[in-house]
Protein backbone atom coordinates (compact mmCIF):
# COMPACT_ATOMS: atom_id res chain seq x y z
CA MET A 1 25.71 -4.12 -9.22
CA HIS A 2 24.93 -2.51 -5.92
CA ASP A 3 24.06 -4.79 -2.86
CA MET A 4 21.11 -3.99 -0.91
CA GLU A 5 22.95 -2.10 1.88
CA GLY A 6 24.80 -0.19 -0.70
CA ASP A 7 21.58 1.10 -2.30
CA LYS A 8 19.97 1.87 1.11
CA ALA A 9 22.63 3.94 2.07
CA MET A 10 22.39 5.88 -1.20
CA MET A 11 18.88 6.05 -1.68
CA ALA A 12 17.44 9.40 -2.61
CA THR A 13 16.16 11.30 0.68
CA GLN A 14 14.01 14.12 1.39
CA PRO A 15 14.34 16.20 4.72
CA ALA A 16 11.89 15.67 7.26
CA GLN A 17 10.84 19.49 7.33
CA THR A 18 9.70 19.16 3.81
CA ARG A 19 7.33 16.34 4.34
CA TYR A 20 5.87 18.09 7.39
CA ALA A 21 5.13 21.04 5.40
CA LYS A 22 2.53 19.15 3.31
CA PRO A 23 -1.02 19.75 4.20
CA VAL A 24 -2.92 17.11 6.40
CA VAL A 25 -6.71 16.73 6.29
CA LEU A 26 -8.03 18.04 9.63
CA ALA A 27 -11.83 17.58 9.32
CA VAL A 28 -14.34 16.31 6.81
CA ASN A 29 -18.17 16.42 7.18
CA GLU A 30 -19.56 14.68 3.87
CA LEU A 31 -21.72 11.35 4.61
CA THR A 32 -20.86 8.44 3.23
CA ASN A 33 -23.48 7.27 0.80
CA GLY A 34 -24.25 5.81 -2.70
CA GLU A 35 -24.10 2.14 -3.93
CA SER A 36 -20.46 2.76 -5.91
CA VAL A 37 -18.85 3.28 -2.43
CA LEU A 38 -20.84 0.71 -0.20
CA GLN A 39 -20.83 -2.10 -2.42
CA PRO A 40 -17.12 -2.48 -2.64
CA MET A 41 -17.05 -1.82 0.79
CA ARG A 42 -19.61 -4.29 1.85
CA SER A 43 -17.48 -7.27 0.18
CA HIS A 44 -14.13 -6.35 2.07
CA ALA A 45 -13.42 -9.09 4.55
CA LEU A 46 -13.59 -6.74 7.40
CA PHE A 47 -17.23 -5.90 6.60
CA ASN A 48 -18.76 -8.94 4.83
CA THR A 49 -19.86 -10.74 7.87
CA LEU A 50 -21.48 -7.80 9.65
CA SER A 51 -25.48 -7.72 9.64
CA ASP A 52 -27.20 -5.28 7.57
CA ALA A 53 -28.09 -3.17 10.62
CA ASP A 54 -24.44 -3.19 12.04
CA PHE A 55 -23.06 -2.28 8.49
CA GLU A 56 -25.42 0.59 8.12
CA ASN A 57 -24.71 1.86 11.63
CA LEU A 58 -21.17 1.96 10.96
CA VAL A 59 -21.41 3.62 7.61
CA LEU A 60 -23.58 6.40 9.55
CA GLN A 61 -20.59 7.03 11.66
CA SER A 62 -17.98 7.27 8.96
CA ARG A 63 -17.32 9.90 6.35
CA ARG A 64 -16.21 10.42 2.80
CA LEU A 65 -12.89 12.33 2.49
CA ARG A 66 -11.32 13.62 -0.74
CA LEU A 67 -7.68 14.14 -0.84
CA GLY A 68 -5.69 16.17 -3.65
CA HIS A 69 -2.60 15.15 -5.28
CA HIS A 70 0.23 14.76 -2.61
CA GLN A 71 -1.92 15.78 0.30
CA LEU A 72 -1.18 13.85 3.46
CA LEU A 73 -3.96 11.87 5.15
CA TYR A 74 -1.95 11.34 8.25
CA ARG A 75 1.27 11.78 9.59
CA GLN A 76 3.58 9.34 11.44
CA ASP A 77 3.05 9.09 15.14
CA MET A 78 -0.16 10.89 15.08
CA PRO A 79 -3.03 9.54 17.47
CA ALA A 80 -4.98 7.24 15.37
CA HIS A 81 -8.81 7.54 15.71
CA HIS A 82 -9.71 6.11 12.27
CA PHE A 83 -8.93 3.34 9.48
CA PHE A 84 -9.52 3.77 6.20
CA PHE A 85 -11.09 2.31 3.17
CA VAL A 86 -9.92 3.44 -0.54
CA VAL A 87 -12.72 4.58 -2.92
CA SER A 88 -10.59 5.67 -5.65
CA GLY A 89 -7.36 7.00 -6.52
CA ARG A 90 -4.09 5.83 -5.03
CA LEU A 91 -2.14 6.35 -1.63
CA ARG A 92 1.49 5.54 -0.80
CA LEU A 93 2.23 4.59 2.80
CA TYR A 94 6.06 5.77 3.87
CA ARG A 95 8.18 6.37 6.97
CA LEU A 96 10.90 8.85 7.62
CA ASP A 97 13.75 7.55 9.81
CA SER A 98 15.76 9.47 12.31
CA SER A 99 17.71 10.94 9.60
CA GLY A 100 14.95 12.11 7.48
CA ILE A 101 15.24 9.52 4.79
CA ASP A 102 12.09 8.70 3.02
CA ARG A 103 11.10 4.81 2.69
CA THR A 104 8.16 3.81 0.72
CA LEU A 105 6.45 0.88 2.58
CA ASP A 106 3.46 0.21 0.06
CA SER A 107 0.74 1.54 -2.34
CA ILE A 108 -3.06 1.23 -1.56
CA ALA A 109 -5.66 1.02 -4.25
CA PRO A 110 -9.18 1.24 -4.48
CA GLY A 111 -11.02 -1.70 -2.56
CA ASP A 112 -8.20 -1.87 0.01
CA CYS A 113 -8.25 -0.89 3.90
CA PHE A 114 -5.33 0.39 5.63
CA ALA A 115 -4.26 1.66 9.14
CA GLU A 116 -6.83 -1.03 10.21
CA VAL A 117 -3.96 -2.60 12.67
CA MET A 118 -5.08 0.58 14.57
CA ILE A 119 -8.26 -1.51 15.76
CA TYR A 120 -6.12 -3.39 18.15
CA ALA A 121 -3.10 -1.10 18.75
CA ASP A 122 -2.37 0.33 22.24
CA PRO A 123 -1.68 2.96 21.98
CA ALA A 124 -3.15 3.78 18.83
CA ARG A 125 -0.78 5.95 16.49
CA TYR A 126 -0.17 5.73 12.84
CA ALA A 127 3.08 3.97 12.23
CA CYS A 128 4.00 5.93 8.84
CA TYR A 129 2.59 8.68 6.53
CA ALA A 130 -0.13 8.24 4.24
CA GLU A 131 -0.29 10.51 1.02
CA ALA A 132 -2.30 10.64 -1.87
CA LEU A 133 -0.36 9.96 -5.12
CA LYS A 134 -3.32 11.39 -7.20
CA SER A 135 -6.89 12.70 -6.27
CA SER A 136 -8.32 10.12 -4.06
CA GLU A 137 -11.30 9.49 -2.25
CA VAL A 138 -11.20 7.30 1.10
CA LEU A 139 -14.03 6.46 3.87
CA MET A 140 -12.62 7.21 7.43
CA ILE A 141 -14.11 4.58 9.62
CA PRO A 142 -14.08 5.26 13.43
CA VAL A 143 -11.90 2.87 15.17
CA LYS A 144 -13.98 2.85 18.27
CA ALA A 145 -16.98 2.11 16.74
CA TYR A 146 -15.47 -0.91 14.75
CA GLN A 147 -14.04 -1.96 18.19
CA GLU A 148 -17.52 -2.01 19.53
CA LEU A 149 -18.74 -4.27 16.73
CA LEU A 150 -15.74 -6.61 17.58
CA ASP A 151 -16.67 -6.71 21.21
CA SER A 152 -20.35 -7.37 20.63
CA LYS A 153 -20.30 -10.46 18.24
CA PRO A 154 -17.37 -13.21 18.23
CA GLU A 155 -17.98 -13.94 14.52
CA TYR A 156 -16.98 -10.42 13.62
CA ALA A 157 -13.83 -10.72 15.64
CA ASN A 158 -12.95 -14.12 13.84
CA ALA A 159 -13.22 -12.32 10.51
CA ALA A 160 -11.10 -9.40 11.35
CA LEU A 161 -8.28 -11.92 12.66
CA ARG A 162 -8.69 -14.16 9.45
CA HIS A 163 -8.19 -10.70 7.43
CA TYR A 164 -5.06 -9.92 9.55
CA ALA A 165 -3.43 -13.53 9.22
CA MET A 166 -4.09 -12.92 5.14
CA ARG A 167 -2.26 -9.57 5.63
CA ALA A 168 0.56 -11.09 7.61
CA VAL A 169 1.48 -13.90 4.99
CA SER A 170 1.51 -11.17 2.52
CA ARG A 171 3.98 -9.20 4.77
CA PHE A 172 6.18 -12.20 5.00
CA HIS A 173 6.28 -12.61 1.40
CA ASP A 174 7.09 -9.02 0.90
CA LEU A 175 9.85 -9.36 3.60
CA GLU A 176 11.32 -12.44 1.45
CA ILE A 177 11.60 -10.12 -1.48
CA MET A 178 13.45 -7.26 0.37
CA THR A 179 15.80 -10.09 2.11
CA VAL A 180 17.26 -10.81 -1.57
CA GLN A 181 20.72 -9.32 -1.70
CA ASN A 182 20.89 -8.60 -5.38
CA ALA A 183 18.88 -5.80 -6.73
CA ARG A 184 18.07 -7.05 -10.16
CA ASP A 185 16.61 -10.19 -8.37
CA ARG A 186 14.56 -7.82 -6.01
CA LEU A 187 13.31 -6.22 -9.19
CA ILE A 188 12.37 -9.25 -11.05
CA ARG A 189 10.56 -11.11 -8.02
CA TYR A 190 8.63 -7.65 -7.63
CA LEU A 191 7.56 -7.74 -11.24
CA ILE A 192 6.79 -11.42 -11.14
CA ASP A 193 4.80 -10.71 -7.96
CA LEU A 194 2.62 -8.18 -10.07
CA LEU A 195 1.43 -10.69 -12.59
CA PRO A 196 -1.98 -11.80 -12.17
CA ASN A 197 -1.12 -15.75 -12.41
CA GLY A 198 2.54 -15.36 -11.08
CA VAL A 199 5.25 -17.21 -12.99
CA SER A 200 2.74 -19.35 -14.71
CA GLU A 201 1.43 -16.87 -17.20
CA GLY A 202 2.76 -13.79 -18.91
CA GLY A 203 1.13 -10.62 -19.52
CA GLU A 204 0.93 -6.83 -18.72
CA VAL A 205 1.52 -5.36 -15.47
CA GLU A 206 1.20 -1.63 -14.41
CA LEU A 207 3.74 -0.33 -11.76
CA PRO A 208 1.42 0.81 -8.77
CA LEU A 209 3.91 3.72 -8.19
CA PRO A 210 6.16 6.15 -10.19
CA LYS A 211 9.40 4.42 -10.79
CA CYS A 212 11.29 6.34 -8.57
CA LEU A 213 9.02 5.28 -5.67
CA VAL A 214 9.22 1.70 -6.63
CA ALA A 215 13.07 1.94 -6.61
CA SER A 216 12.43 3.15 -2.90
CA ARG A 217 10.20 0.57 -2.18
CA LEU A 218 12.74 -2.05 -3.32
CA ALA A 219 15.60 -0.30 -1.46
CA MET A 220 17.55 0.81 -4.46
CA GLN A 221 18.67 4.06 -6.06
CA PRO A 222 16.41 5.20 -8.89
CA GLU A 223 19.49 5.10 -11.32
CA THR A 224 19.92 1.31 -10.37
CA PHE A 225 16.29 0.67 -11.11
CA SER A 226 16.51 2.04 -14.55
CA ARG A 227 19.65 0.42 -15.23
CA ILE A 228 18.48 -2.91 -14.39
CA LEU A 229 15.14 -2.27 -16.30
CA ALA A 230 17.00 -1.22 -19.31
CA ASP A 231 18.99 -4.25 -19.28
CA LEU A 232 16.21 -6.48 -19.00
CA LYS A 233 14.41 -4.71 -21.98
CA SER A 234 17.48 -4.93 -24.19
CA ASN A 235 17.60 -8.69 -23.41
CA GLY A 236 14.07 -9.22 -24.66
CA LEU A 237 12.76 -10.11 -21.17
CA VAL A 238 10.35 -7.34 -20.44
CA ARG A 239 8.63 -4.41 -23.14
CA VAL A 240 8.05 -1.09 -21.29
CA ASN A 241 5.57 1.42 -22.20
CA ARG A 242 5.90 4.28 -19.39
CA SER A 243 4.47 2.47 -16.36
CA LYS A 244 3.22 -0.48 -18.07
CA LEU A 245 5.55 -3.61 -18.54
CA PHE A 246 4.80 -6.70 -20.69
CA ILE A 247 6.31 -10.03 -19.48
CA SER A 248 6.04 -12.63 -22.19
CA ASP A 249 7.93 -15.42 -20.46
CA PRO A 250 8.04 -15.08 -16.83
CA LYS A 251 9.60 -18.49 -16.19
CA ARG A 252 12.66 -17.26 -18.27
CA LEU A 253 12.83 -14.14 -16.14
CA ILE A 254 12.62 -16.04 -13.09
CA GLU A 255 15.44 -18.42 -14.06
CA ILE A 256 17.85 -15.77 -14.42
CA SER A 257 17.24 -14.51 -10.75
CA GLN A 258 18.28 -18.13 -9.37
């Protein structure tokens, strides 16, 4: 099996100029409205402590944006004037390093916010690319407008800090998975993490990204990912149906990675 460093060195790459050729949204004029959009946003940790008046005012300054398949929302190092709430679809966050290697960082699902770190960043520049993996809708929320709310009421700032603290814990957990040297063990831990109840109960999970991008996310070649998944399948540890996997005995699965 390849170790993590070997897999990183062999990871499939795409030249930077190919990525820069993708279209980026430059302007949007559609107002944000509709209960199907506002209710999920209202319940998010960054907004659920806002008064009705403050929430409505923030919504009036936000815009609803539709993205096509593979359309870029923003590029790495662009000035950041907005953060985003996902209404529908799915987006991928990735970075290009100095050699043009494309490294998947995360996938963002409906109900999630992203780029919200820009609220406190100085200078505010996006740290990665955001790309729609399929037709998607997001809300563009002005950073300056949200900053003014945080400055006006301490309880809003406290809620934002609690949200950041939870994100930090989640990121440390992701980092723990990525520091596992064995590629098979990284994949197993990633799959267990997708289960709603973790190791305590089996069930069906759906990969949030295409398999080649999950491989990139886990710092391994797509061929390595496919080989490990085939091995787990042949040993009866997972059942695979396209992007869906059924894990009947997660405890047994985690035992073989220890």
